[in-house]
Amino acid sequence: MPFGSRLSGLARFKAIPEALRFENQEIARNARPKRPRPLDPLIRAGRKVGLPRILWFGAWIAFAILRVVHLVGAHT
């Protein structure tokens, strides 16, 4: 036979629970995707783009801090 010998009827009957267990494991493993970590997009994007992206985020954070300081200073 080109694909190997067939199992006997008793061997096939014994293999059914193992096949069902394997099927349930595969379904459970593929049922829900792995959760991404919250900072993964920034980390991956930082690796791809490099220094310009880091400088952009740094400037944006500095602007936000200065804006808050300006608003707090204007009301006192």
PDB file of N, CA and C in Angstrom:
ATOM      1  N   MET A   1       0.840  -1.199   0.000  1.00  0.00           N
ATOM      2  CA  MET A   1       0.000   0.000   0.000  1.00  0.00           C
ATOM      3  C   MET A   1       0.882   1.260   0.000  1.00  0.00           C
ATOM      4  N   PRO A   2       0.505   2.244  -0.757  1.00  0.00           N
ATOM      5  CA  PRO A   2       1.367   3.433  -0.849  1.00  0.00           C
ATOM      6  C   PRO A   2       1.358   4.290   0.417  1.00  0.00           C
ATOM      7  N   PHE A   3       0.307   4.258   1.212  1.00  0.00           N
ATOM      8  CA  PHE A   3       0.218   5.129   2.382  1.00  0.00           C
ATOM      9  C   PHE A   3       0.387   4.371   3.689  1.00  0.00           C
ATOM     10  N   GLY A   4       0.928   3.170   3.664  1.00  0.00           N
ATOM     11  CA  GLY A   4       1.123   2.386   4.866  1.00  0.00           C
ATOM     12  C   GLY A   4      -0.046   1.475   5.119  1.00  0.00           C
ATOM     13  N   SER A   5       0.095   0.663   6.140  1.00  0.00           N
ATOM     14  CA  SER A   5      -0.963  -0.303   6.428  1.00  0.00           C
ATOM     15  C   SER A   5      -2.088   0.358   7.211  1.00  0.00           C
ATOM     16  N   ARG A   6      -3.285  -0.173   7.028  1.00  0.00           N
ATOM     17  CA  ARG A   6      -4.443   0.339   7.760  1.00  0.00           C
ATOM     18  C   ARG A   6      -4.482  -0.276   9.144  1.00  0.00           C
ATOM     19  N   LEU A   7      -5.059   0.442  10.077  1.00  0.00           N
ATOM     20  CA  LEU A   7      -5.242  -0.091  11.414  1.00  0.00           C
ATOM     21  C   LEU A   7      -6.384  -1.102  11.404  1.00  0.00           C
ATOM     22  N   SER A   8      -6.310  -2.040  12.313  1.00  0.00           N
ATOM     23  CA  SER A   8      -7.414  -2.994  12.434  1.00  0.00           C
ATOM     24  C   SER A   8      -8.622  -2.276  13.024  1.00  0.00           C
ATOM     25  N   GLY A   9      -9.759  -2.932  12.982  1.00  0.00           N
ATOM     26  CA  GLY A   9     -10.986  -2.332  13.505  1.00  0.00           C
ATOM     27  C   GLY A   9     -10.879  -1.998  14.968  1.00  0.00           C
ATOM     28  N   LEU A  10     -10.276  -2.861  15.772  1.00  0.00           N
ATOM     29  CA  LEU A  10     -10.128  -2.600  17.208  1.00  0.00           C
ATOM     30  C   LEU A  10      -9.172  -1.430  17.460  1.00  0.00           C
ATOM     31  N   ALA A  11      -8.076  -1.378  16.706  1.00  0.00           N
ATOM     32  CA  ALA A  11      -7.116  -0.277  16.865  1.00  0.00           C
ATOM     33  C   ALA A  11      -7.758   1.054  16.483  1.00  0.00           C
ATOM     34  N   ARG A  12      -8.567   1.052  15.413  1.00  0.00           N
ATOM     35  CA  ARG A  12      -9.261   2.293  15.036  1.00  0.00           C
ATOM     36  C   ARG A  12     -10.247   2.707  16.125  1.00  0.00           C
ATOM     37  N   PHE A  13     -10.943   1.740  16.700  1.00  0.00           N
ATOM     38  CA  PHE A  13     -11.905   2.035  17.763  1.00  0.00           C
ATOM     39  C   PHE A  13     -11.202   2.627  18.990  1.00  0.00           C
ATOM     40  N   LYS A  14     -10.012   2.113  19.300  1.00  0.00           N
ATOM     41  CA  LYS A  14      -9.245   2.630  20.445  1.00  0.00           C
ATOM     42  C   LYS A  14      -8.666   4.018  20.148  1.00  0.00           C
ATOM     43  N   ALA A  15      -8.440   4.331  18.897  1.00  0.00           N
ATOM     44  CA  ALA A  15      -7.831   5.615  18.532  1.00  0.00           C
ATOM     45  C   ALA A  15      -8.836   6.759  18.525  1.00  0.00           C
ATOM     46  N   ILE A  16     -10.119   6.478  18.555  1.00  0.00           N
ATOM     47  CA  ILE A  16     -11.137   7.532  18.475  1.00  0.00           C
ATOM     48  C   ILE A  16     -11.046   8.510  19.645  1.00  0.00           C
ATOM     49  N   PRO A  17     -10.977   8.073  20.925  1.00  0.00           N
ATOM     50  CA  PRO A  17     -10.885   9.050  22.015  1.00  0.00           C
ATOM     51  C   PRO A  17      -9.650   9.951  21.915  1.00  0.00           C
ATOM     52  N   GLU A  18      -8.524   9.370  21.509  1.00  0.00           N
ATOM     53  CA  GLU A  18      -7.310  10.182  21.361  1.00  0.00           C
ATOM     54  C   GLU A  18      -7.478  11.217  20.250  1.00  0.00           C
ATOM     55  N   ALA A  19      -8.108  10.837  19.162  1.00  0.00           N
ATOM     56  CA  ALA A  19      -8.342  11.784  18.064  1.00  0.00           C
ATOM     57  C   ALA A  19      -9.283  12.896  18.501  1.00  0.00           C
ATOM     58  N   LEU A  20     -10.314  12.560  19.271  1.00  0.00           N
ATOM     59  CA  LEU A  20     -11.241  13.592  19.759  1.00  0.00           C
ATOM     60  C   LEU A  20     -10.545  14.529  20.731  1.00  0.00           C
ATOM     61  N   ARG A  21      -9.693  13.981  21.590  1.00  0.00           N
ATOM     62  CA  ARG A  21      -8.951  14.823  22.541  1.00  0.00           C
ATOM     63  C   ARG A  21      -8.016  15.771  21.781  1.00  0.00           C
ATOM     64  N   PHE A  22      -7.325  15.241  20.774  1.00  0.00           N
ATOM     65  CA  PHE A  22      -6.438  16.078  19.959  1.00  0.00           C
ATOM     66  C   PHE A  22      -7.222  17.181  19.246  1.00  0.00           C
ATOM     67  N   GLU A  23      -8.390  16.831  18.724  1.00  0.00           N
ATOM     68  CA  GLU A  23      -9.227  17.816  18.035  1.00  0.00           C
ATOM     69  C   GLU A  23      -9.658  18.923  19.002  1.00  0.00           C
ATOM     70  N   ASN A  24     -10.055  18.548  20.219  1.00  0.00           N
ATOM     71  CA  ASN A  24     -10.453  19.555  21.209  1.00  0.00           C
ATOM     72  C   ASN A  24      -9.291  20.462  21.583  1.00  0.00           C
ATOM     73  N   GLN A  25      -8.088  19.894  21.680  1.00  0.00           N
ATOM     74  CA  GLN A  25      -6.916  20.719  21.991  1.00  0.00           C
ATOM     75  C   GLN A  25      -6.635  21.711  20.874  1.00  0.00           C
ATOM     76  N   GLU A  26      -6.736  21.262  19.640  1.00  0.00           N
ATOM     77  CA  GLU A  26      -6.494  22.158  18.505  1.00  0.00           C
ATOM     78  C   GLU A  26      -7.540  23.268  18.444  1.00  0.00           C
ATOM     79  N   ILE A  27      -8.782  22.926  18.689  1.00  0.00           N
ATOM     80  CA  ILE A  27      -9.847  23.936  18.669  1.00  0.00           C
ATOM     81  C   ILE A  27      -9.617  24.948  19.779  1.00  0.00           C
ATOM     82  N   ALA A  28      -9.255  24.471  20.977  1.00  0.00           N
ATOM     83  CA  ALA A  28      -9.017  25.381  22.098  1.00  0.00           C
ATOM     84  C   ALA A  28      -7.815  26.273  21.836  1.00  0.00           C
ATOM     85  N   ARG A  29      -6.780  25.724  21.226  1.00  0.00           N
ATOM     86  CA  ARG A  29      -5.576  26.523  20.978  1.00  0.00           C
ATOM     87  C   ARG A  29      -5.837  27.619  19.950  1.00  0.00           C
ATOM     88  N   ASN A  30      -6.663  27.321  18.953  1.00  0.00           N
ATOM     89  CA  ASN A  30      -6.919  28.292  17.881  1.00  0.00           C
ATOM     90  C   ASN A  30      -8.170  29.134  18.113  1.00  0.00           C
ATOM     91  N   ALA A  31      -8.848  28.930  19.234  1.00  0.00           N
ATOM     92  CA  ALA A  31     -10.116  29.626  19.467  1.00  0.00           C
ATOM     93  C   ALA A  31      -9.915  31.112  19.680  1.00  0.00           C
ATOM     94  N   ARG A  32      -8.877  31.485  20.387  1.00  0.00           N
ATOM     95  CA  ARG A  32      -8.712  32.909  20.668  1.00  0.00           C
ATOM     96  C   ARG A  32      -7.253  33.287  20.421  1.00  0.00           C
ATOM     97  N   PRO A  33      -7.040  34.400  19.756  1.00  0.00           N
ATOM     98  CA  PRO A  33      -5.665  34.798  19.464  1.00  0.00           C
ATOM     99  C   PRO A  33      -4.942  35.286  20.717  1.00  0.00           C
ATOM    100  N   LYS A  34      -3.649  35.260  20.658  1.00  0.00           N
ATOM    101  CA  LYS A  34      -2.834  35.732  21.757  1.00  0.00           C
ATOM    102  C   LYS A  34      -3.072  37.224  21.957  1.00  0.00           C
ATOM    103  N   ARG A  35      -3.205  37.637  23.211  1.00  0.00           N
ATOM    104  CA  ARG A  35      -3.429  39.065  23.486  1.00  0.00           C
ATOM    105  C   ARG A  35      -2.135  39.849  23.314  1.00  0.00           C
ATOM    106  N   PRO A  36      -2.179  40.951  22.556  1.00  0.00           N
ATOM    107  CA  PRO A  36      -0.965  41.757  22.436  1.00  0.00           C
ATOM    108  C   PRO A  36      -0.750  42.578  23.695  1.00  0.00           C
ATOM    109  N   ARG A  37       0.499  42.823  23.999  1.00  0.00           N
ATOM    110  CA  ARG A  37       0.795  43.694  25.134  1.00  0.00           C
ATOM    111  C   ARG A  37       0.479  45.131  24.733  1.00  0.00           C
ATOM    112  N   PRO A  38       0.111  45.991  25.702  1.00  0.00           N
ATOM    113  CA  PRO A  38      -0.320  47.357  25.348  1.00  0.00           C
ATOM    114  C   PRO A  38       0.733  48.175  24.617  1.00  0.00           C
ATOM    115  N   LEU A  39       1.998  47.994  24.930  1.00  0.00           N
ATOM    116  CA  LEU A  39       3.035  48.834  24.329  1.00  0.00           C
ATOM    117  C   LEU A  39       3.684  48.205  23.103  1.00  0.00           C
ATOM    118  N   ASP A  40       3.216  47.041  22.675  1.00  0.00           N
ATOM    119  CA  ASP A  40       3.819  46.378  21.522  1.00  0.00           C
ATOM    120  C   ASP A  40       3.847  47.238  20.258  1.00  0.00           C
ATOM    121  N   PRO A  41       2.766  47.939  19.908  1.00  0.00           N
ATOM    122  CA  PRO A  41       2.847  48.745  18.676  1.00  0.00           C
ATOM    123  C   PRO A  41       3.933  49.813  18.736  1.00  0.00           C
ATOM    124  N   LEU A  42       4.091  50.450  19.883  1.00  0.00           N
ATOM    125  CA  LEU A  42       5.129  51.486  19.994  1.00  0.00           C
ATOM    126  C   LEU A  42       6.519  50.872  19.932  1.00  0.00           C
ATOM    127  N   ILE A  43       6.676  49.723  20.582  1.00  0.00           N
ATOM    128  CA  ILE A  43       7.992  49.082  20.596  1.00  0.00           C
ATOM    129  C   ILE A  43       8.356  48.616  19.191  1.00  0.00           C
ATOM    130  N   ARG A  44       7.420  47.949  18.524  1.00  0.00           N
ATOM    131  CA  ARG A  44       7.697  47.457  17.178  1.00  0.00           C
ATOM    132  C   ARG A  44       7.904  48.606  16.205  1.00  0.00           C
ATOM    133  N   ALA A  45       7.079  49.631  16.327  1.00  0.00           N
ATOM    134  CA  ALA A  45       7.215  50.772  15.420  1.00  0.00           C
ATOM    135  C   ALA A  45       8.540  51.479  15.665  1.00  0.00           C
ATOM    136  N   GLY A  46       8.964  51.560  16.924  1.00  0.00           N
ATOM    137  CA  GLY A  46      10.240  52.183  17.234  1.00  0.00           C
ATOM    138  C   GLY A  46      11.398  51.433  16.625  1.00  0.00           C
ATOM    139  N   ARG A  47      11.285  50.111  16.563  1.00  0.00           N
ATOM    140  CA  ARG A  47      12.351  49.322  15.952  1.00  0.00           C
ATOM    141  C   ARG A  47      12.411  49.552  14.447  1.00  0.00           C
ATOM    142  N   LYS A  48      11.265  49.726  13.824  1.00  0.00           N
ATOM    143  CA  LYS A  48      11.236  49.881  12.376  1.00  0.00           C
ATOM    144  C   LYS A  48      11.731  51.256  11.963  1.00  0.00           C
ATOM    145  N   VAL A  49      11.219  52.303  12.615  1.00  0.00           N
ATOM    146  CA  VAL A  49      11.471  53.669  12.158  1.00  0.00           C
ATOM    147  C   VAL A  49      12.726  54.246  12.802  1.00  0.00           C
ATOM    148  N   GLY A  50      12.914  54.013  14.091  1.00  0.00           N
ATOM    149  CA  GLY A  50      14.127  54.455  14.749  1.00  0.00           C
ATOM    150  C   GLY A  50      14.015  55.844  15.345  1.00  0.00           C
ATOM    151  N   LEU A  51      15.093  56.581  15.208  1.00  0.00           N
ATOM    152  CA  LEU A  51      15.260  57.859  15.884  1.00  0.00           C
ATOM    153  C   LEU A  51      14.197  58.906  15.545  1.00  0.00           C
ATOM    154  N   PRO A  52      13.799  59.099  14.305  1.00  0.00           N
ATOM    155  CA  PRO A  52      12.788  60.131  14.033  1.00  0.00           C
ATOM    156  C   PRO A  52      11.487  59.916  14.802  1.00  0.00           C
ATOM    157  N   ARG A  53      11.055  58.672  14.914  1.00  0.00           N
ATOM    158  CA  ARG A  53       9.817  58.395  15.639  1.00  0.00           C
ATOM    159  C   ARG A  53       9.990  58.671  17.129  1.00  0.00           C
ATOM    160  N   ILE A  54      11.124  58.319  17.693  1.00  0.00           N
ATOM    161  CA  ILE A  54      11.387  58.592  19.104  1.00  0.00           C
ATOM    162  C   ILE A  54      11.407  60.100  19.349  1.00  0.00           C
ATOM    163  N   LEU A  55      12.047  60.848  18.461  1.00  0.00           N
ATOM    164  CA  LEU A  55      12.078  62.309  18.603  1.00  0.00           C
ATOM    165  C   LEU A  55      10.678  62.908  18.486  1.00  0.00           C
ATOM    166  N   TRP A  56       9.867  62.369  17.592  1.00  0.00           N
ATOM    167  CA  TRP A  56       8.503  62.865  17.432  1.00  0.00           C
ATOM    168  C   TRP A  56       7.699  62.648  18.707  1.00  0.00           C
ATOM    169  N   PHE A  57       7.771  61.444  19.278  1.00  0.00           N
ATOM    170  CA  PHE A  57       7.041  61.179  20.513  1.00  0.00           C
ATOM    171  C   PHE A  57       7.586  62.025  21.659  1.00  0.00           C
ATOM    172  N   GLY A  58       8.875  62.201  21.718  1.00  0.00           N
ATOM    173  CA  GLY A  58       9.470  63.046  22.765  1.00  0.00           C
ATOM    174  C   GLY A  58       9.000  64.484  22.649  1.00  0.00           C
ATOM    175  N   ALA A  59       8.967  65.015  21.432  1.00  0.00           N
ATOM    176  CA  ALA A  59       8.498  66.396  21.235  1.00  0.00           C
ATOM    177  C   ALA A  59       7.016  66.519  21.595  1.00  0.00           C
ATOM    178  N   TRP A  60       6.237  65.501  21.266  1.00  0.00           N
ATOM    179  CA  TRP A  60       4.811  65.524  21.579  1.00  0.00           C
ATOM    180  C   TRP A  60       4.589  65.504  23.084  1.00  0.00           C
ATOM    181  N   ILE A  61       5.335  64.697  23.799  1.00  0.00           N
ATOM    182  CA  ILE A  61       5.210  64.638  25.264  1.00  0.00           C
ATOM    183  C   ILE A  61       5.673  65.946  25.887  1.00  0.00           C
ATOM    184  N   ALA A  62       6.770  66.514  25.386  1.00  0.00           N
ATOM    185  CA  ALA A  62       7.242  67.801  25.909  1.00  0.00           C
ATOM    186  C   ALA A  62       6.191  68.891  25.666  1.00  0.00           C
ATOM    187  N   PHE A  63       5.569  68.901  24.497  1.00  0.00           N
ATOM    188  CA  PHE A  63       4.525  69.878  24.212  1.00  0.00           C
ATOM    189  C   PHE A  63       3.364  69.731  25.182  1.00  0.00           C
ATOM    190  N   ALA A  64       2.945  68.476  25.437  1.00  0.00           N
ATOM    191  CA  ALA A  64       1.827  68.247  26.351  1.00  0.00           C
ATOM    192  C   ALA A  64       2.160  68.732  27.756  1.00  0.00           C
ATOM    193  N   ILE A  65       3.378  68.466  28.211  1.00  0.00           N
ATOM    194  CA  ILE A  65       3.780  68.912  29.550  1.00  0.00           C
ATOM    195  C   ILE A  65       3.821  70.439  29.613  1.00  0.00           C
ATOM    196  N   LEU A  66       4.415  71.064  28.608  1.00  0.00           N
ATOM    197  CA  LEU A  66       4.476  72.528  28.595  1.00  0.00           C
ATOM    198  C   LEU A  66       3.087  73.144  28.512  1.00  0.00           C
ATOM    199  N   ARG A  67       2.189  72.519  27.780  1.00  0.00           N
ATOM    200  CA  ARG A  67       0.807  73.016  27.687  1.00  0.00           C
ATOM    201  C   ARG A  67       0.116  72.971  29.040  1.00  0.00           C
ATOM    202  N   VAL A  68       0.305  71.870  29.763  1.00  0.00           N
ATOM    203  CA  VAL A  68      -0.292  71.757  31.087  1.00  0.00           C
ATOM    204  C   VAL A  68       0.305  72.787  32.037  1.00  0.00           C
ATOM    205  N   VAL A  69       1.616  72.951  31.994  1.00  0.00           N
ATOM    206  CA  VAL A  69       2.273  73.952  32.846  1.00  0.00           C
ATOM    207  C   VAL A  69       1.754  75.347  32.511  1.00  0.00           C
ATOM    208  N   HIS A  70       1.578  75.627  31.256  1.00  0.00           N
ATOM    209  CA  HIS A  70       1.076  76.940  30.846  1.00  0.00           C
ATOM    210  C   HIS A  70      -0.352  77.163  31.341  1.00  0.00           C
ATOM    211  N   LEU A  71      -1.197  76.147  31.234  1.00  0.00           N
ATOM    212  CA  LEU A  71      -2.566  76.289  31.706  1.00  0.00           C
ATOM    213  C   LEU A  71      -2.630  76.476  33.213  1.00  0.00           C
ATOM    214  N   VAL A  72      -1.817  75.722  33.942  1.00  0.00           N
ATOM    215  CA  VAL A  72      -1.808  75.845  35.407  1.00  0.00           C
ATOM    216  C   VAL A  72      -1.244  77.212  35.800  1.00  0.00           C
ATOM    217  N   GLY A  73      -0.205  77.667  35.117  1.00  0.00           N
ATOM    218  CA  GLY A  73       0.403  78.961  35.440  1.00  0.00           C
ATOM    219  C   GLY A  73      -0.505  80.132  35.120  1.00  0.00           C
ATOM    220  N   ALA A  74      -1.364  80.000  34.111  1.00  0.00           N
ATOM    221  CA  ALA A  74      -2.247  81.087  33.713  1.00  0.00           C
ATOM    222  C   ALA A  74      -3.363  81.308  34.722  1.00  0.00           C
ATOM    223  N   HIS A  75      -3.724  80.256  35.475  1.00  0.00           N
ATOM    224  CA  HIS A  75      -4.837  80.361  36.422  1.00  0.00           C
ATOM    225  C   HIS A  75      -4.376  80.704  37.836  1.00  0.00           C
ATOM    226  N   THR A  76      -3.083  80.825  38.052  1.00  0.00           N
ATOM    227  CA  THR A  76      -2.635  81.157  39.424  1.00  0.00           C
ATOM    228  C   THR A  76      -2.186  82.586  39.509  1.00  0.00           C
TER     229      THR A  76
END
